[in-house]
Each structure stands twice: as C-alpha cells, then as structure tokens.
Amino acid sequence: MGSSARQSYFVSPSIDQGKLAKTPITLVPIETDGAYFFEEVRTQLTERCGIVRDEAFEACAILLPLALNIHSKTADAFIKKQPSLLLFVLSYQDGLIHGLKRILTMKKTGEYHSATHVHSQVHTYEHIVDDYIKEKSYWNASYALGYQASLIYLLLRSKDDRASQPPFFSVPFNANVTSLAAAVRFPDKQLPRSAAREAKIFLSQYPKAAQLIPSHTPYL
C-alpha cells in the first residue's frame, strides 16, 4: 500500500523485544517514560488546534496578586478622598481580578484551553461594554472592560511570553488614567456628564465617614 500503509507504535518506559515480536501486528517500539512523547503531542495540538498554552495560565497566576495589591491601594485612596473616577477604576479592577480568578479556577475543566472559545468570550464582552456605554451605565461597562482584559491577556500570553500586562487603571471613556496618582487627580468636571451623574448617585450611597468600598458583584 506504499506510503498510505498504516503504522502502529508501542510506547513504554521498558520494552521486551521478545514479547513485542510475538504481537499479531507489527509495532514500532518507542522506549520512553512518555513525558517527552506526550509533550510533543501537546505541542502539535497547541499549534494546530488552538489550545491555550499552560504558560498563559501561569502568567495569569502571577498577574493576579499584582492586581489585588493595586486594587487594595486604589481602595485605600478612594476611602481617603473619594475621587469620582476611582469608582469606575475600582469596578474595572474588579472585572480584571474576577476574570483572572475564573480563568485559574476553571483551568482544570478545559473551558479556557480553547483559544477559539476565549476569542468568542472577548468579542462577547466587547458587545457587553458597548451596550452598557449606550445605556450610560459606566460602572458596569468598566467591570466588563476589566473582565475582557483578563481574557485578552490569556490569549496574548499563549502566543507570546513577552506580551504586555493589561493596564491596572482603565475606564470605558476618554480619560488619561495610567496610574493611581493620575486617577486621584482627575478632575470630576472632565467626566462625561452621564458618568458624573452615576458617580454622584454612588457616592451618596458610600458616605465618606463610613469608609466603605464599592465592589462589583462577580461576572455579568
């Protein structure tokens, strides 16, 4: 049958050539503990089928405590001065943190090992962000933006170990927010009117003396 003939293999850490010769079909022996063999199989599947690499999950595990630390500092700054912009930054950080936690929690299920599925989720959250912006619900839009950032990071790190981390400070409207200091200094008058109104309602629910921190519920 020439090049179309099927070939069978016998993979084992220890091979008895005598017993192998007695099998009813011809088997090509591969003596190995299997680790390298299966790693090669996984590499091929990753490249051909779009499987998210383990290194991407490891990167998310490293990013999570950094995000939690930044979130804690942002919360402290909110308690001290209650800048309106920090309401939306905190929600964005909640989304990023919750996204990272879910990616790591669900890793064993395989849900996030499919790059195609993660791509689909990224686009889904793109629509969610847009819909909330149209509704002028910037609190929810900020959260969805942060959640989407965690998914994008997973995909980027699967393709490139040097991919940049997502921003820890971001909002779904035009504002130069690259650090905590910039977010604290951002003038309330530069907020979109609808965002300013939403912030005013939130701040009325979180009196400064109570030292409460607004937290977005997990997942949308």
N, C-alpha and C. Protein backbone atom coordinates (compact mmCIF):
# COMPACT_ATOMS: atom_id res chain seq x y z
N MET A 1 0.82 -1.22 0.00
CA MET A 1 0.00 0.00 0.00
C MET A 1 0.85 1.27 0.00
N GLY A 2 2.15 1.08 -0.04
CA GLY A 2 3.06 2.22 -0.16
C GLY A 2 2.97 3.16 1.00
N SER A 3 2.99 4.48 0.71
CA SER A 3 3.02 5.50 1.74
C SER A 3 1.72 5.61 2.52
N SER A 4 0.65 4.98 2.00
CA SER A 4 -0.65 5.07 2.69
C SER A 4 -0.84 3.97 3.72
N ALA A 5 0.14 3.06 3.85
CA ALA A 5 0.02 1.97 4.82
C ALA A 5 0.03 2.51 6.23
N ARG A 6 -0.81 1.95 7.10
CA ARG A 6 -0.87 2.40 8.49
C ARG A 6 0.33 1.88 9.27
N GLN A 7 0.75 2.64 10.24
CA GLN A 7 1.87 2.24 11.08
C GLN A 7 1.44 2.34 12.54
N SER A 8 1.74 1.33 13.34
CA SER A 8 1.37 1.33 14.75
C SER A 8 2.62 1.41 15.61
N TYR A 9 2.47 2.03 16.79
CA TYR A 9 3.60 2.24 17.68
C TYR A 9 3.30 1.66 19.06
N PHE A 10 4.36 1.26 19.75
CA PHE A 10 4.24 0.78 21.12
C PHE A 10 5.15 1.64 21.98
N VAL A 11 4.52 2.47 22.85
CA VAL A 11 5.28 3.40 23.69
C VAL A 11 5.29 2.88 25.11
N SER A 12 6.49 2.73 25.69
CA SER A 12 6.61 2.19 27.04
C SER A 12 7.97 2.57 27.61
N PRO A 13 8.05 2.73 28.95
CA PRO A 13 9.36 3.02 29.56
C PRO A 13 10.31 1.82 29.50
N SER A 14 9.74 0.64 29.31
CA SER A 14 10.57 -0.57 29.22
C SER A 14 9.94 -1.53 28.21
N ILE A 15 10.70 -1.95 27.21
CA ILE A 15 10.16 -2.77 26.14
C ILE A 15 10.88 -4.12 26.07
N ASP A 16 10.09 -5.18 26.09
CA ASP A 16 10.61 -6.54 25.93
C ASP A 16 10.49 -6.87 24.44
N GLN A 17 11.61 -6.85 23.74
CA GLN A 17 11.60 -7.05 22.30
C GLN A 17 11.03 -8.43 21.93
N GLY A 18 11.29 -9.45 22.77
CA GLY A 18 10.78 -10.79 22.50
C GLY A 18 9.27 -10.83 22.48
N LYS A 19 8.65 -10.21 23.51
CA LYS A 19 7.19 -10.19 23.57
C LYS A 19 6.62 -9.33 22.45
N LEU A 20 7.32 -8.26 22.14
CA LEU A 20 6.83 -7.36 21.09
C LEU A 20 6.80 -8.07 19.74
N ALA A 21 7.79 -8.94 19.52
CA ALA A 21 7.87 -9.65 18.24
C ALA A 21 6.73 -10.65 18.07
N LYS A 22 6.09 -11.06 19.18
CA LYS A 22 5.03 -12.07 19.12
C LYS A 22 3.64 -11.46 18.91
N THR A 23 3.57 -10.12 18.89
CA THR A 23 2.26 -9.48 18.70
C THR A 23 1.73 -9.75 17.30
N PRO A 24 0.41 -9.82 17.12
CA PRO A 24 -0.17 -10.14 15.81
C PRO A 24 0.04 -9.08 14.74
N ILE A 25 0.38 -7.85 15.16
CA ILE A 25 0.65 -6.79 14.19
C ILE A 25 2.04 -6.23 14.45
N THR A 26 2.61 -5.64 13.43
CA THR A 26 3.95 -5.06 13.57
C THR A 26 3.86 -3.73 14.31
N LEU A 27 4.63 -3.62 15.40
CA LEU A 27 4.64 -2.41 16.21
C LEU A 27 6.03 -1.80 16.20
N VAL A 28 6.09 -0.49 16.02
CA VAL A 28 7.37 0.21 16.09
C VAL A 28 7.60 0.58 17.55
N PRO A 29 8.67 0.09 18.17
CA PRO A 29 8.90 0.38 19.59
C PRO A 29 9.45 1.79 19.82
N ILE A 30 8.89 2.47 20.82
CA ILE A 30 9.41 3.76 21.28
C ILE A 30 9.59 3.64 22.78
N GLU A 31 10.83 3.48 23.21
CA GLU A 31 11.11 3.29 24.63
C GLU A 31 11.33 4.64 25.29
N THR A 32 10.37 5.08 26.09
CA THR A 32 10.43 6.38 26.76
C THR A 32 9.44 6.36 27.91
N ASP A 33 9.64 7.26 28.88
CA ASP A 33 8.71 7.32 30.00
C ASP A 33 7.40 8.01 29.60
N GLY A 34 7.37 8.52 28.39
CA GLY A 34 6.14 9.12 27.88
C GLY A 34 6.06 10.62 28.04
N ALA A 35 6.85 11.18 28.96
CA ALA A 35 6.75 12.61 29.22
C ALA A 35 7.06 13.43 27.97
N TYR A 36 8.18 13.11 27.34
CA TYR A 36 8.58 13.85 26.14
C TYR A 36 7.59 13.59 25.01
N PHE A 37 7.17 12.33 24.87
CA PHE A 37 6.24 11.95 23.81
C PHE A 37 4.95 12.76 23.90
N PHE A 38 4.35 12.79 25.08
CA PHE A 38 3.08 13.48 25.24
C PHE A 38 3.25 15.00 25.18
N GLU A 39 4.42 15.48 25.58
CA GLU A 39 4.69 16.91 25.47
C GLU A 39 4.75 17.32 24.00
N GLU A 40 5.35 16.45 23.18
CA GLU A 40 5.40 16.72 21.75
C GLU A 40 4.00 16.69 21.14
N VAL A 41 3.19 15.73 21.57
CA VAL A 41 1.82 15.65 21.08
C VAL A 41 1.06 16.92 21.45
N ARG A 42 1.23 17.35 22.70
CA ARG A 42 0.55 18.56 23.16
C ARG A 42 1.00 19.78 22.36
N THR A 43 2.30 19.86 22.07
CA THR A 43 2.82 20.99 21.30
C THR A 43 2.18 21.04 19.93
N GLN A 44 2.07 19.87 19.30
CA GLN A 44 1.46 19.81 17.97
C GLN A 44 -0.01 20.21 18.02
N LEU A 45 -0.73 19.73 19.04
CA LEU A 45 -2.14 20.07 19.17
C LEU A 45 -2.32 21.56 19.44
N THR A 46 -1.42 22.13 20.25
CA THR A 46 -1.49 23.55 20.57
C THR A 46 -1.38 24.38 19.31
N GLU A 47 -0.43 24.01 18.44
CA GLU A 47 -0.19 24.77 17.22
C GLU A 47 -1.31 24.57 16.20
N ARG A 48 -1.82 23.33 16.09
CA ARG A 48 -2.80 23.03 15.06
C ARG A 48 -4.23 23.33 15.48
N CYS A 49 -4.54 23.12 16.74
CA CYS A 49 -5.94 23.20 17.19
C CYS A 49 -6.24 24.44 18.01
N GLY A 50 -5.24 25.27 18.27
CA GLY A 50 -5.50 26.49 19.03
C GLY A 50 -5.73 26.26 20.50
N ILE A 51 -4.91 25.42 21.11
CA ILE A 51 -5.02 25.18 22.54
C ILE A 51 -4.18 26.22 23.29
N VAL A 52 -4.75 26.84 24.30
CA VAL A 52 -4.05 27.84 25.09
C VAL A 52 -2.94 27.16 25.89
N ARG A 53 -1.75 27.70 25.83
CA ARG A 53 -0.60 27.09 26.49
C ARG A 53 -0.67 27.24 28.01
N ASP A 54 -0.07 26.29 28.72
CA ASP A 54 -0.03 26.35 30.18
C ASP A 54 0.68 27.61 30.67
N GLU A 55 1.67 28.07 29.89
CA GLU A 55 2.41 29.27 30.29
C GLU A 55 1.50 30.48 30.43
N ALA A 56 0.43 30.51 29.64
CA ALA A 56 -0.51 31.63 29.72
C ALA A 56 -1.26 31.62 31.05
N PHE A 57 -1.62 30.44 31.52
CA PHE A 57 -2.29 30.32 32.81
C PHE A 57 -1.33 30.69 33.94
N GLU A 58 -0.07 30.30 33.80
CA GLU A 58 0.94 30.65 34.80
C GLU A 58 1.12 32.17 34.87
N ALA A 59 1.07 32.83 33.71
CA ALA A 59 1.18 34.28 33.68
C ALA A 59 0.00 34.94 34.39
N CYS A 60 -1.19 34.37 34.21
CA CYS A 60 -2.38 34.90 34.89
C CYS A 60 -2.25 34.72 36.41
N ALA A 61 -1.67 33.60 36.82
CA ALA A 61 -1.47 33.34 38.25
C ALA A 61 -0.50 34.35 38.85
N ILE A 62 0.48 34.77 38.07
CA ILE A 62 1.45 35.78 38.54
C ILE A 62 0.81 37.16 38.58
N LEU A 63 -0.04 37.44 37.58
CA LEU A 63 -0.67 38.75 37.49
C LEU A 63 -1.69 38.99 38.60
N LEU A 64 -2.40 37.95 39.02
CA LEU A 64 -3.49 38.10 39.99
C LEU A 64 -3.07 38.80 41.28
N PRO A 65 -2.01 38.36 41.98
CA PRO A 65 -1.65 39.05 43.21
C PRO A 65 -1.21 40.50 42.98
N LEU A 66 -0.65 40.78 41.82
CA LEU A 66 -0.27 42.16 41.49
C LEU A 66 -1.53 43.01 41.37
N ALA A 67 -2.54 42.46 40.70
CA ALA A 67 -3.81 43.18 40.54
C ALA A 67 -4.50 43.39 41.88
N LEU A 68 -4.44 42.39 42.74
CA LEU A 68 -5.05 42.51 44.08
C LEU A 68 -4.35 43.58 44.90
N ASN A 69 -3.05 43.66 44.79
CA ASN A 69 -2.29 44.66 45.54
C ASN A 69 -2.63 46.07 45.06
N ILE A 70 -2.69 46.25 43.73
CA ILE A 70 -3.05 47.56 43.18
C ILE A 70 -4.48 47.92 43.57
N HIS A 71 -5.36 46.93 43.55
CA HIS A 71 -6.76 47.18 43.91
C HIS A 71 -6.88 47.63 45.37
N SER A 72 -6.09 47.02 46.24
CA SER A 72 -6.11 47.41 47.65
C SER A 72 -5.66 48.86 47.82
N LYS A 73 -4.62 49.25 47.10
CA LYS A 73 -4.12 50.63 47.19
C LYS A 73 -5.15 51.61 46.62
N THR A 74 -5.81 51.19 45.55
CA THR A 74 -6.84 52.04 44.95
C THR A 74 -8.01 52.22 45.92
N ALA A 75 -8.39 51.15 46.59
CA ALA A 75 -9.47 51.22 47.57
C ALA A 75 -9.10 52.16 48.72
N ASP A 76 -7.86 52.09 49.18
CA ASP A 76 -7.40 52.99 50.25
C ASP A 76 -7.49 54.44 49.82
N ALA A 77 -7.11 54.70 48.57
CA ALA A 77 -7.16 56.07 48.04
C ALA A 77 -8.60 56.54 47.93
N PHE A 78 -9.49 55.64 47.59
CA PHE A 78 -10.91 56.01 47.48
C PHE A 78 -11.47 56.39 48.85
N ILE A 79 -11.13 55.63 49.86
CA ILE A 79 -11.62 55.90 51.20
C ILE A 79 -11.16 57.28 51.68
N LYS A 80 -9.95 57.66 51.34
CA LYS A 80 -9.39 58.93 51.82
C LYS A 80 -10.04 60.14 51.16
N LYS A 81 -10.23 60.08 49.81
CA LYS A 81 -10.67 61.28 49.10
C LYS A 81 -11.95 61.10 48.28
N GLN A 82 -12.31 59.86 47.99
CA GLN A 82 -13.48 59.55 47.17
C GLN A 82 -13.50 60.29 45.82
N PRO A 83 -12.42 60.24 45.07
CA PRO A 83 -12.45 60.83 43.72
C PRO A 83 -13.45 60.06 42.86
N SER A 84 -14.24 60.76 42.11
CA SER A 84 -15.30 60.11 41.33
C SER A 84 -14.75 59.07 40.36
N LEU A 85 -13.63 59.39 39.72
CA LEU A 85 -13.09 58.47 38.72
C LEU A 85 -12.72 57.12 39.32
N LEU A 86 -12.31 57.12 40.59
CA LEU A 86 -11.91 55.86 41.22
C LEU A 86 -13.05 54.86 41.32
N LEU A 87 -14.29 55.35 41.33
CA LEU A 87 -15.43 54.44 41.32
C LEU A 87 -15.35 53.50 40.11
N PHE A 88 -15.05 54.07 38.96
CA PHE A 88 -15.01 53.30 37.73
C PHE A 88 -13.72 52.49 37.61
N VAL A 89 -12.63 53.03 38.14
CA VAL A 89 -11.37 52.29 38.15
C VAL A 89 -11.50 51.05 39.03
N LEU A 90 -12.12 51.21 40.20
CA LEU A 90 -12.32 50.07 41.10
C LEU A 90 -13.17 48.98 40.44
N SER A 91 -14.19 49.38 39.70
CA SER A 91 -15.04 48.42 39.01
C SER A 91 -14.25 47.70 37.92
N TYR A 92 -13.43 48.46 37.18
CA TYR A 92 -12.57 47.85 36.16
C TYR A 92 -11.64 46.82 36.79
N GLN A 93 -11.04 47.18 37.92
CA GLN A 93 -10.13 46.25 38.59
C GLN A 93 -10.86 45.03 39.11
N ASP A 94 -12.10 45.22 39.57
CA ASP A 94 -12.91 44.06 39.99
C ASP A 94 -13.08 43.10 38.82
N GLY A 95 -13.39 43.65 37.65
CA GLY A 95 -13.58 42.81 36.47
C GLY A 95 -12.31 42.05 36.10
N LEU A 96 -11.18 42.74 36.14
CA LEU A 96 -9.90 42.12 35.82
C LEU A 96 -9.59 40.99 36.81
N ILE A 97 -9.77 41.27 38.09
CA ILE A 97 -9.49 40.28 39.14
C ILE A 97 -10.42 39.08 39.05
N HIS A 98 -11.71 39.34 38.87
CA HIS A 98 -12.67 38.24 38.77
C HIS A 98 -12.41 37.39 37.53
N GLY A 99 -12.01 38.05 36.44
CA GLY A 99 -11.70 37.30 35.23
C GLY A 99 -10.51 36.39 35.43
N LEU A 100 -9.46 36.91 36.05
CA LEU A 100 -8.26 36.10 36.32
C LEU A 100 -8.59 34.93 37.25
N LYS A 101 -9.39 35.21 38.28
CA LYS A 101 -9.75 34.15 39.22
C LYS A 101 -10.53 33.05 38.53
N ARG A 102 -11.46 33.43 37.66
CA ARG A 102 -12.27 32.41 36.99
C ARG A 102 -11.40 31.59 36.02
N ILE A 103 -10.49 32.25 35.32
CA ILE A 103 -9.59 31.54 34.40
C ILE A 103 -8.80 30.48 35.16
N LEU A 104 -8.30 30.85 36.32
CA LEU A 104 -7.48 29.91 37.11
C LEU A 104 -8.34 28.83 37.76
N THR A 105 -9.52 29.22 38.24
CA THR A 105 -10.41 28.24 38.88
C THR A 105 -10.91 27.19 37.89
N MET A 106 -11.20 27.64 36.67
CA MET A 106 -11.77 26.75 35.66
C MET A 106 -10.72 26.09 34.78
N LYS A 107 -9.46 26.29 35.09
CA LYS A 107 -8.40 25.72 34.25
C LYS A 107 -8.54 24.21 34.09
N LYS A 108 -8.82 23.50 35.17
CA LYS A 108 -8.88 22.05 35.14
C LYS A 108 -10.06 21.54 34.30
N THR A 109 -11.06 22.37 34.08
CA THR A 109 -12.22 21.94 33.30
C THR A 109 -11.95 22.00 31.80
N GLY A 110 -10.93 22.73 31.40
CA GLY A 110 -10.62 22.86 29.99
C GLY A 110 -11.37 23.99 29.30
N GLU A 111 -12.23 24.70 30.06
CA GLU A 111 -13.06 25.75 29.46
C GLU A 111 -12.23 26.82 28.77
N TYR A 112 -11.10 27.16 29.36
CA TYR A 112 -10.28 28.24 28.81
C TYR A 112 -9.07 27.73 28.03
N HIS A 113 -9.02 26.44 27.74
CA HIS A 113 -7.92 25.91 26.95
C HIS A 113 -8.18 26.06 25.45
N SER A 114 -9.39 26.33 25.07
CA SER A 114 -9.72 26.54 23.67
C SER A 114 -9.57 28.01 23.32
N ALA A 115 -8.59 28.31 22.47
CA ALA A 115 -8.37 29.70 22.05
C ALA A 115 -9.59 30.24 21.32
N THR A 116 -10.27 29.38 20.58
CA THR A 116 -11.47 29.81 19.85
C THR A 116 -12.55 30.25 20.83
N HIS A 117 -12.72 29.49 21.91
CA HIS A 117 -13.73 29.84 22.91
C HIS A 117 -13.37 31.17 23.59
N VAL A 118 -12.10 31.34 23.93
CA VAL A 118 -11.68 32.57 24.60
C VAL A 118 -11.86 33.76 23.67
N HIS A 119 -11.52 33.59 22.37
CA HIS A 119 -11.75 34.65 21.39
C HIS A 119 -13.22 35.04 21.36
N SER A 120 -14.08 34.04 21.40
CA SER A 120 -15.51 34.30 21.39
C SER A 120 -15.93 35.10 22.62
N GLN A 121 -15.36 34.75 23.78
CA GLN A 121 -15.67 35.47 25.00
C GLN A 121 -15.20 36.92 24.94
N VAL A 122 -14.04 37.14 24.34
CA VAL A 122 -13.51 38.51 24.18
C VAL A 122 -14.50 39.35 23.38
N HIS A 123 -15.00 38.80 22.27
CA HIS A 123 -15.96 39.54 21.44
C HIS A 123 -17.29 39.73 22.16
N THR A 124 -17.68 38.74 22.94
CA THR A 124 -18.92 38.87 23.72
C THR A 124 -18.82 40.05 24.68
N TYR A 125 -17.70 40.15 25.36
CA TYR A 125 -17.53 41.25 26.32
C TYR A 125 -17.36 42.59 25.62
N GLU A 126 -16.87 42.57 24.39
CA GLU A 126 -16.80 43.81 23.61
C GLU A 126 -18.21 44.36 23.41
N HIS A 127 -19.14 43.49 23.08
CA HIS A 127 -20.54 43.90 22.90
C HIS A 127 -21.16 44.32 24.22
N ILE A 128 -20.81 43.63 25.30
CA ILE A 128 -21.34 43.99 26.61
C ILE A 128 -20.89 45.39 27.01
N VAL A 129 -19.61 45.68 26.78
CA VAL A 129 -19.08 47.01 27.09
C VAL A 129 -19.85 48.07 26.29
N ASP A 130 -20.00 47.83 24.99
CA ASP A 130 -20.69 48.79 24.12
C ASP A 130 -22.13 49.00 24.56
N ASP A 131 -22.80 47.91 24.92
CA ASP A 131 -24.21 48.01 25.33
C ASP A 131 -24.35 48.84 26.61
N TYR A 132 -23.46 48.62 27.56
CA TYR A 132 -23.54 49.38 28.81
C TYR A 132 -23.20 50.85 28.59
N ILE A 133 -22.28 51.12 27.69
CA ILE A 133 -21.96 52.52 27.38
C ILE A 133 -23.18 53.21 26.77
N LYS A 134 -23.88 52.49 25.88
CA LYS A 134 -25.09 53.05 25.28
C LYS A 134 -26.15 53.32 26.34
N GLU A 135 -26.19 52.47 27.36
CA GLU A 135 -27.14 52.65 28.46
C GLU A 135 -26.65 53.68 29.48
N LYS A 136 -25.43 54.19 29.24
CA LYS A 136 -24.77 55.14 30.15
C LYS A 136 -24.56 54.54 31.54
N SER A 137 -24.31 53.24 31.54
CA SER A 137 -24.01 52.53 32.78
C SER A 137 -22.50 52.27 32.81
N TYR A 138 -21.75 53.28 33.17
CA TYR A 138 -20.29 53.19 33.10
C TYR A 138 -19.71 52.30 34.19
N TRP A 139 -20.42 52.13 35.28
CA TRP A 139 -19.99 51.24 36.35
C TRP A 139 -19.90 49.80 35.83
N ASN A 140 -20.96 49.37 35.15
CA ASN A 140 -20.97 48.03 34.58
C ASN A 140 -20.04 47.92 33.38
N ALA A 141 -19.97 48.96 32.58
CA ALA A 141 -19.08 48.95 31.41
C ALA A 141 -17.62 48.82 31.86
N SER A 142 -17.28 49.48 32.95
CA SER A 142 -15.92 49.40 33.48
C SER A 142 -15.59 47.97 33.90
N TYR A 143 -16.55 47.33 34.56
CA TYR A 143 -16.33 45.95 35.01
C TYR A 143 -16.13 45.03 33.81
N ALA A 144 -17.00 45.16 32.81
CA ALA A 144 -16.90 44.31 31.62
C ALA A 144 -15.59 44.54 30.89
N LEU A 145 -15.11 45.78 30.88
CA LEU A 145 -13.84 46.10 30.24
C LEU A 145 -12.68 45.39 30.96
N GLY A 146 -12.74 45.38 32.29
CA GLY A 146 -11.69 44.70 33.07
C GLY A 146 -11.73 43.20 32.86
N TYR A 147 -12.94 42.64 32.83
CA TYR A 147 -13.08 41.19 32.62
C TYR A 147 -12.53 40.81 31.25
N GLN A 148 -12.85 41.62 30.26
CA GLN A 148 -12.36 41.37 28.91
C GLN A 148 -10.83 41.42 28.87
N ALA A 149 -10.25 42.33 29.64
CA ALA A 149 -8.79 42.48 29.67
C ALA A 149 -8.12 41.19 30.14
N SER A 150 -8.74 40.49 31.09
CA SER A 150 -8.15 39.24 31.58
C SER A 150 -8.14 38.18 30.48
N LEU A 151 -9.20 38.13 29.67
CA LEU A 151 -9.29 37.17 28.58
C LEU A 151 -8.29 37.48 27.47
N ILE A 152 -8.16 38.76 27.16
CA ILE A 152 -7.19 39.17 26.14
C ILE A 152 -5.78 38.82 26.58
N TYR A 153 -5.50 39.04 27.86
CA TYR A 153 -4.16 38.73 28.38
C TYR A 153 -3.85 37.24 28.26
N LEU A 154 -4.84 36.40 28.56
CA LEU A 154 -4.65 34.95 28.44
C LEU A 154 -4.28 34.58 27.01
N LEU A 155 -4.98 35.14 26.04
CA LEU A 155 -4.69 34.85 24.64
C LEU A 155 -3.31 35.35 24.22
N LEU A 156 -2.99 36.58 24.61
CA LEU A 156 -1.71 37.17 24.22
C LEU A 156 -0.54 36.38 24.80
N ARG A 157 -0.65 35.98 26.06
CA ARG A 157 0.44 35.25 26.69
C ARG A 157 0.57 33.83 26.15
N SER A 158 -0.51 33.32 25.59
CA SER A 158 -0.44 32.00 24.97
C SER A 158 0.40 32.04 23.70
N LYS A 159 0.40 33.20 23.03
CA LYS A 159 1.14 33.35 21.78
C LYS A 159 2.54 33.94 21.99
N ASP A 160 2.68 34.75 23.02
CA ASP A 160 3.94 35.48 23.21
C ASP A 160 4.24 35.62 24.70
N ASP A 161 5.35 35.02 25.15
CA ASP A 161 5.72 35.10 26.56
C ASP A 161 6.09 36.52 26.99
N ARG A 162 6.33 37.39 26.02
CA ARG A 162 6.71 38.77 26.34
C ARG A 162 5.54 39.75 26.20
N ALA A 163 4.35 39.23 26.02
CA ALA A 163 3.18 40.10 25.87
C ALA A 163 2.99 40.98 27.10
N SER A 164 2.61 42.20 26.87
CA SER A 164 2.45 43.17 27.96
C SER A 164 1.27 42.83 28.85
N GLN A 165 1.38 43.20 30.11
CA GLN A 165 0.28 43.03 31.05
C GLN A 165 -0.84 44.01 30.72
N PRO A 166 -2.07 43.68 31.05
CA PRO A 166 -3.16 44.65 30.85
C PRO A 166 -2.99 45.81 31.82
N PRO A 167 -3.53 46.96 31.49
CA PRO A 167 -3.44 48.09 32.42
C PRO A 167 -4.21 47.82 33.70
N PHE A 168 -3.71 48.33 34.79
CA PHE A 168 -4.41 48.20 36.07
C PHE A 168 -5.39 49.36 36.26
N PHE A 169 -5.24 50.41 35.45
CA PHE A 169 -6.10 51.58 35.55
C PHE A 169 -6.69 51.86 34.17
N SER A 170 -8.00 51.73 34.06
CA SER A 170 -8.66 51.97 32.78
C SER A 170 -10.14 52.23 33.03
N VAL A 171 -10.75 52.98 32.12
CA VAL A 171 -12.18 53.27 32.20
C VAL A 171 -12.73 53.28 30.77
N PRO A 172 -14.04 53.06 30.61
CA PRO A 172 -14.62 52.98 29.26
C PRO A 172 -15.01 54.32 28.66
N PHE A 173 -14.27 55.34 28.98
CA PHE A 173 -14.49 56.65 28.36
C PHE A 173 -13.15 57.37 28.32
N ASN A 174 -13.10 58.47 27.61
CA ASN A 174 -11.84 59.17 27.38
C ASN A 174 -11.32 59.82 28.66
N ALA A 175 -10.24 59.25 29.19
CA ALA A 175 -9.60 59.80 30.39
C ALA A 175 -8.17 59.27 30.44
N ASN A 176 -7.23 60.14 30.69
CA ASN A 176 -5.83 59.75 30.77
C ASN A 176 -5.56 59.17 32.16
N VAL A 177 -5.74 57.87 32.28
CA VAL A 177 -5.60 57.20 33.58
C VAL A 177 -4.57 56.09 33.43
N THR A 178 -3.34 56.38 33.80
CA THR A 178 -2.27 55.38 33.68
C THR A 178 -1.68 55.00 35.03
N SER A 179 -2.12 55.66 36.09
CA SER A 179 -1.59 55.38 37.42
C SER A 179 -2.61 55.78 38.46
N LEU A 180 -2.38 55.37 39.70
CA LEU A 180 -3.27 55.74 40.78
C LEU A 180 -3.24 57.25 41.02
N ALA A 181 -2.05 57.82 40.95
CA ALA A 181 -1.93 59.27 41.16
C ALA A 181 -2.73 60.04 40.11
N ALA A 182 -2.66 59.60 38.86
CA ALA A 182 -3.40 60.26 37.79
C ALA A 182 -4.90 60.12 37.99
N ALA A 183 -5.33 58.95 38.46
CA ALA A 183 -6.75 58.72 38.70
C ALA A 183 -7.28 59.59 39.83
N VAL A 184 -6.48 59.74 40.88
CA VAL A 184 -6.89 60.57 42.03
C VAL A 184 -6.97 62.04 41.63
N ARG A 185 -6.06 62.47 40.77
CA ARG A 185 -6.01 63.89 40.38
C ARG A 185 -7.02 64.24 39.28
N PHE A 186 -7.63 63.24 38.67
CA PHE A 186 -8.51 63.51 37.53
C PHE A 186 -9.69 64.39 37.96
N PRO A 187 -9.88 65.54 37.31
CA PRO A 187 -10.96 66.47 37.72
C PRO A 187 -12.34 65.89 37.43
N ASP A 188 -13.23 66.00 38.40
CA ASP A 188 -14.59 65.50 38.22
C ASP A 188 -15.28 66.18 37.04
N LYS A 189 -14.94 67.45 36.78
CA LYS A 189 -15.60 68.19 35.71
C LYS A 189 -15.26 67.65 34.32
N GLN A 190 -14.21 66.83 34.24
CA GLN A 190 -13.84 66.25 32.95
C GLN A 190 -14.51 64.90 32.69
N LEU A 191 -15.28 64.42 33.65
CA LEU A 191 -16.03 63.18 33.44
C LEU A 191 -17.16 63.42 32.46
N PRO A 192 -17.53 62.44 31.66
CA PRO A 192 -18.75 62.57 30.86
C PRO A 192 -19.92 62.86 31.78
N ARG A 193 -20.86 63.65 31.34
CA ARG A 193 -21.97 64.07 32.21
C ARG A 193 -22.71 62.88 32.80
N SER A 194 -22.96 61.88 31.98
CA SER A 194 -23.70 60.71 32.47
C SER A 194 -22.88 59.94 33.49
N ALA A 195 -21.55 59.90 33.30
CA ALA A 195 -20.68 59.23 34.26
C ALA A 195 -20.64 60.02 35.57
N ALA A 196 -20.63 61.35 35.46
CA ALA A 196 -20.63 62.19 36.66
C ALA A 196 -21.91 62.00 37.46
N ARG A 197 -23.04 61.89 36.74
CA ARG A 197 -24.32 61.67 37.44
C ARG A 197 -24.32 60.31 38.13
N GLU A 198 -23.80 59.31 37.45
CA GLU A 198 -23.75 57.98 38.05
C GLU A 198 -22.85 57.97 39.27
N ALA A 199 -21.72 58.67 39.17
CA ALA A 199 -20.78 58.73 40.30
C ALA A 199 -21.43 59.43 41.49
N LYS A 200 -22.20 60.48 41.23
CA LYS A 200 -22.87 61.22 42.31
C LYS A 200 -23.83 60.32 43.06
N ILE A 201 -24.57 59.47 42.31
CA ILE A 201 -25.51 58.55 42.95
C ILE A 201 -24.76 57.53 43.81
N PHE A 202 -23.66 57.00 43.27
CA PHE A 202 -22.87 56.03 44.02
C PHE A 202 -22.29 56.65 45.29
N LEU A 203 -21.74 57.83 45.16
CA LEU A 203 -21.10 58.48 46.31
C LEU A 203 -22.12 58.78 47.41
N SER A 204 -23.37 59.01 47.03
CA SER A 204 -24.40 59.25 48.05
C SER A 204 -24.68 57.98 48.85
N GLN A 205 -24.35 56.83 48.27
CA GLN A 205 -24.56 55.55 48.95
C GLN A 205 -23.34 55.12 49.76
N TYR A 206 -22.24 55.82 49.55
CA TYR A 206 -21.00 55.48 50.26
C TYR A 206 -20.46 56.72 50.98
N PRO A 207 -21.11 57.13 52.07
CA PRO A 207 -20.64 58.32 52.79
C PRO A 207 -19.19 58.15 53.23
N LYS A 208 -18.44 59.22 53.12
CA LYS A 208 -17.00 59.17 53.40
C LYS A 208 -16.72 58.67 54.81
N ALA A 209 -17.54 59.07 55.75
CA ALA A 209 -17.30 58.69 57.15
C ALA A 209 -17.44 57.17 57.36
N ALA A 210 -18.22 56.53 56.50
CA ALA A 210 -18.44 55.09 56.66
C ALA A 210 -17.25 54.26 56.18
N GLN A 211 -16.39 54.88 55.37
CA GLN A 211 -15.19 54.21 54.83
C GLN A 211 -15.54 52.90 54.13
N LEU A 212 -16.55 52.97 53.29
CA LEU A 212 -16.99 51.80 52.53
C LEU A 212 -16.36 51.81 51.14
N ILE A 213 -16.17 50.62 50.59
CA ILE A 213 -15.56 50.49 49.27
C ILE A 213 -16.57 49.86 48.32
N PRO A 214 -16.89 50.52 47.21
CA PRO A 214 -17.83 49.92 46.25
C PRO A 214 -17.19 48.72 45.56
N SER A 215 -17.90 47.60 45.54
CA SER A 215 -17.40 46.38 44.91
C SER A 215 -18.43 45.84 43.94
N HIS A 216 -17.98 45.50 42.76
CA HIS A 216 -18.88 44.94 41.76
C HIS A 216 -19.06 43.45 42.00
N THR A 217 -20.28 42.98 41.88
CA THR A 217 -20.53 41.54 42.05
C THR A 217 -19.84 40.78 40.91
N PRO A 218 -19.41 39.55 41.17
CA PRO A 218 -18.69 38.77 40.16
C PRO A 218 -19.55 38.45 38.93
N TYR A 219 -18.96 38.68 37.77
CA TYR A 219 -19.50 38.25 36.49
C TYR A 219 -20.76 39.00 36.07
N LEU A 220 -20.86 39.19 34.78
CA LEU A 220 -22.04 39.84 34.20
C LEU A 220 -22.74 38.85 33.28
